[in-house]
C-alpha atoms as a PDB file:
ATOM      1  CA  MET A   1       3.457   5.159 -17.307  1.00  0.00           C
ATOM      2  CA  LEU A   2       4.825   8.570 -16.103  1.00  0.00           C
ATOM      3  CA  LYS A   3       1.783   9.317 -15.417  1.00  0.00           C
ATOM      4  CA  LEU A   4       1.209   6.124 -12.952  1.00  0.00           C
ATOM      5  CA  TYR A   5       4.875   6.787 -11.426  1.00  0.00           C
ATOM      6  CA  LYS A   6       3.588  10.440 -10.129  1.00  0.00           C
ATOM      7  CA  ASP A   7       0.590   9.136  -8.621  1.00  0.00           C
ATOM      8  CA  TYR A   8       2.170   6.535  -7.031  1.00  0.00           C
ATOM      9  CA  GLN A   9       4.558   9.014  -5.509  1.00  0.00           C
ATOM     10  CA  ALA A  10       1.418  11.006  -4.740  1.00  0.00           C
ATOM     11  CA  HIS A  11       0.028   8.495  -2.960  1.00  0.00           C
ATOM     12  CA  ILE A  12       3.314   7.355  -0.904  1.00  0.00           C
ATOM     13  CA  HIS A  13       3.141  11.555   0.270  1.00  0.00           C
ATOM     14  CA  LEU A  14      -0.619  11.286   1.429  1.00  0.00           C
ATOM     15  CA  PHE A  15       0.540   8.063   2.962  1.00  0.00           C
ATOM     16  CA  HIS A  16       3.402   9.807   4.803  1.00  0.00           C
ATOM     17  CA  GLN A  17       1.045  12.829   5.817  1.00  0.00           C
ATOM     18  CA  LYS A  18      -2.156  11.260   7.186  1.00  0.00           C
ATOM     19  CA  MET A  19      -0.744   9.221   9.034  1.00  0.00           C
ATOM     20  CA  GLY A  20       2.104  11.169  10.976  1.00  0.00           C
ATOM     21  CA  VAL A  21       5.304   9.102   9.082  1.00  0.00           C
ATOM     22  CA  PRO A  22       8.235  11.297   8.245  1.00  0.00           C
ATOM     23  CA  ASP A  23       9.085  11.181   4.556  1.00  0.00           C
ATOM     24  CA  ASN A  24      12.540   9.472   5.283  1.00  0.00           C
ATOM     25  CA  VAL A  25      10.961   6.649   7.626  1.00  0.00           C
ATOM     26  CA  LYS A  26       9.768   3.691   5.857  1.00  0.00           C
ATOM     27  CA  PRO A  27       7.564   1.193   8.646  1.00  0.00           C
ATOM     28  CA  TYR A  28       6.810  -0.639   5.455  1.00  0.00           C
ATOM     29  CA  LYS A  29       7.859  -2.348   2.435  1.00  0.00           C
ATOM     30  CA  ILE A  30       7.050  -2.234  -1.331  1.00  0.00           C
ATOM     31  CA  THR A  31       7.916  -5.155  -3.417  1.00  0.00           C
ATOM     32  CA  LYS A  32       7.357  -4.834  -7.168  1.00  0.00           C
ATOM     33  CA  MET A  33       6.449  -7.983  -9.205  1.00  0.00           C
ATOM     34  CA  LEU A  34       8.294  -9.321 -11.769  1.00  0.00           C
ATOM     35  CA  PRO A  35       7.085 -11.016 -14.989  1.00  0.00           C
ATOM     36  CA  THR A  36       7.206 -15.455 -15.237  1.00  0.00           C
ATOM     37  CA  PRO A  37       7.874 -17.608 -17.725  1.00  0.00           C
ATOM     38  CA  THR A  38       4.082 -17.580 -18.198  1.00  0.00           C
ATOM     39  CA  GLY A  39       3.297 -13.984 -18.328  1.00  0.00           C
ATOM     40  CA  LEU A  40       2.673 -10.759 -16.212  1.00  0.00           C
ATOM     41  CA  PRO A  41       1.627 -11.528 -12.746  1.00  0.00           C
ATOM     42  CA  GLN A  42      -1.865 -10.479 -11.485  1.00  0.00           C
ATOM     43  CA  PHE A  43      -0.624  -7.854  -9.292  1.00  0.00           C
ATOM     44  CA  TYR A  44       2.026  -4.874  -9.780  1.00  0.00           C
ATOM     45  CA  LEU A  45       2.935  -3.715  -6.354  1.00  0.00           C
ATOM     46  CA  MET A  46       2.312  -5.413  -2.756  1.00  0.00           C
ATOM     47  CA  PHE A  47       2.930  -2.718  -0.367  1.00  0.00           C
ATOM     48  CA  SER A  48       3.392  -4.843   3.144  1.00  0.00           C
ATOM     49  CA  MET A  49       3.520  -3.157   6.727  1.00  0.00           C
ATOM     50  CA  PRO A  50       4.206  -4.787  10.414  1.00  0.00           C
ATOM     51  CA  PHE A  51       1.614  -4.130  12.941  1.00  0.00           C
ATOM     52  CA  ASN A  52       2.242  -5.556  16.835  1.00  0.00           C
ATOM     53  CA  SER A  53      -0.774  -6.436  17.169  1.00  0.00           C
ATOM     54  CA  PRO A  54      -4.168  -7.380  15.610  1.00  0.00           C
ATOM     55  CA  GLU A  55      -6.001  -4.642  17.779  1.00  0.00           C
ATOM     56  CA  GLU A  56      -3.566  -1.958  16.565  1.00  0.00           C
ATOM     57  CA  LEU A  57      -3.973  -3.102  12.865  1.00  0.00           C
ATOM     58  CA  GLN A  58      -7.653  -2.528  13.262  1.00  0.00           C
ATOM     59  CA  ALA A  59      -6.963   0.737  14.672  1.00  0.00           C
ATOM     60  CA  ALA A  60      -4.891   2.016  11.510  1.00  0.00           C
ATOM     61  CA  MET A  61      -6.990   0.656   9.239  1.00  0.00           C
ATOM     62  CA  SER A  62     -10.415   2.099  10.696  1.00  0.00           C
ATOM     63  CA  SER A  63      -9.035   5.394  10.904  1.00  0.00           C
ATOM     64  CA  PRO A  64      -9.927   8.378   8.878  1.00  0.00           C
ATOM     65  CA  GLU A  65      -6.877   8.804   7.714  1.00  0.00           C
ATOM     66  CA  MET A  66      -6.017   5.414   6.538  1.00  0.00           C
ATOM     67  CA  GLN A  67      -9.780   5.698   4.932  1.00  0.00           C
ATOM     68  CA  GLU A  68      -8.453   8.193   2.892  1.00  0.00           C
ATOM     69  CA  VAL A  69      -5.416   6.409   1.732  1.00  0.00           C
ATOM     70  CA  ALA A  70      -7.249   3.504   0.991  1.00  0.00           C
ATOM     71  CA  THR A  71      -9.569   5.627  -1.035  1.00  0.00           C
ATOM     72  CA  ASP A  72      -6.537   6.728  -2.878  1.00  0.00           C
ATOM     73  CA  ALA A  73      -5.029   3.237  -3.635  1.00  0.00           C
ATOM     74  CA  GLN A  74      -7.944   2.315  -4.963  1.00  0.00           C
ATOM     75  CA  ARG A  75      -7.769   5.632  -7.227  1.00  0.00           C
ATOM     76  CA  ILE A  76      -4.622   5.011  -8.979  1.00  0.00           C
ATOM     77  CA  SER A  77      -4.844   0.804  -8.718  1.00  0.00           C
ATOM     78  CA  THR A  78      -5.284  -0.496 -12.866  1.00  0.00           C
ATOM     79  CA  GLY A  79      -5.544  -3.800 -12.058  1.00  0.00           C
ATOM     80  CA  GLY A  80      -8.865  -3.976 -10.313  1.00  0.00           C
ATOM     81  CA  PRO A  81     -10.120  -3.785  -6.657  1.00  0.00           C
ATOM     82  CA  LEU A  82      -7.345  -3.822  -4.002  1.00  0.00           C
ATOM     83  CA  VAL A  83      -6.731  -7.377  -2.078  1.00  0.00           C
ATOM     84  CA  ILE A  84      -5.868  -7.038   1.173  1.00  0.00           C
ATOM     85  CA  LEU A  85      -4.038  -9.983   2.596  1.00  0.00           C
ATOM     86  CA  ILE A  86      -4.073 -10.185   6.736  1.00  0.00           C
ATOM     87  CA  GLY A  87      -1.194 -12.476   7.921  1.00  0.00           C
ATOM     88  CA  ASN A  88       1.540 -13.865  10.253  1.00  0.00           C
ATOM     89  CA  GLU A  89       5.146 -14.261  10.394  1.00  0.00           C
ATOM     90  CA  ASP A  90       6.585 -17.290  12.121  1.00  0.00           C
END
């Protein structure tokens, strides 16, 4: 479990470094999923980050820096392929 935590911390540091976000700024939320009465959830963590427009999201996701971060996310993922969901807040 310690290795997973260290991998996760290194991944978050990589995100900050590649995206030019200072370490003390967190423009995202990370939610740890908890067990339910029926057992463990399918996912362990959820990373969510708002964008001002679909165009801003597309620019970020298609950048070489974010592609490197996404590749690293896949590397540390133990639950299978990454799932990316895009939505609007009402």
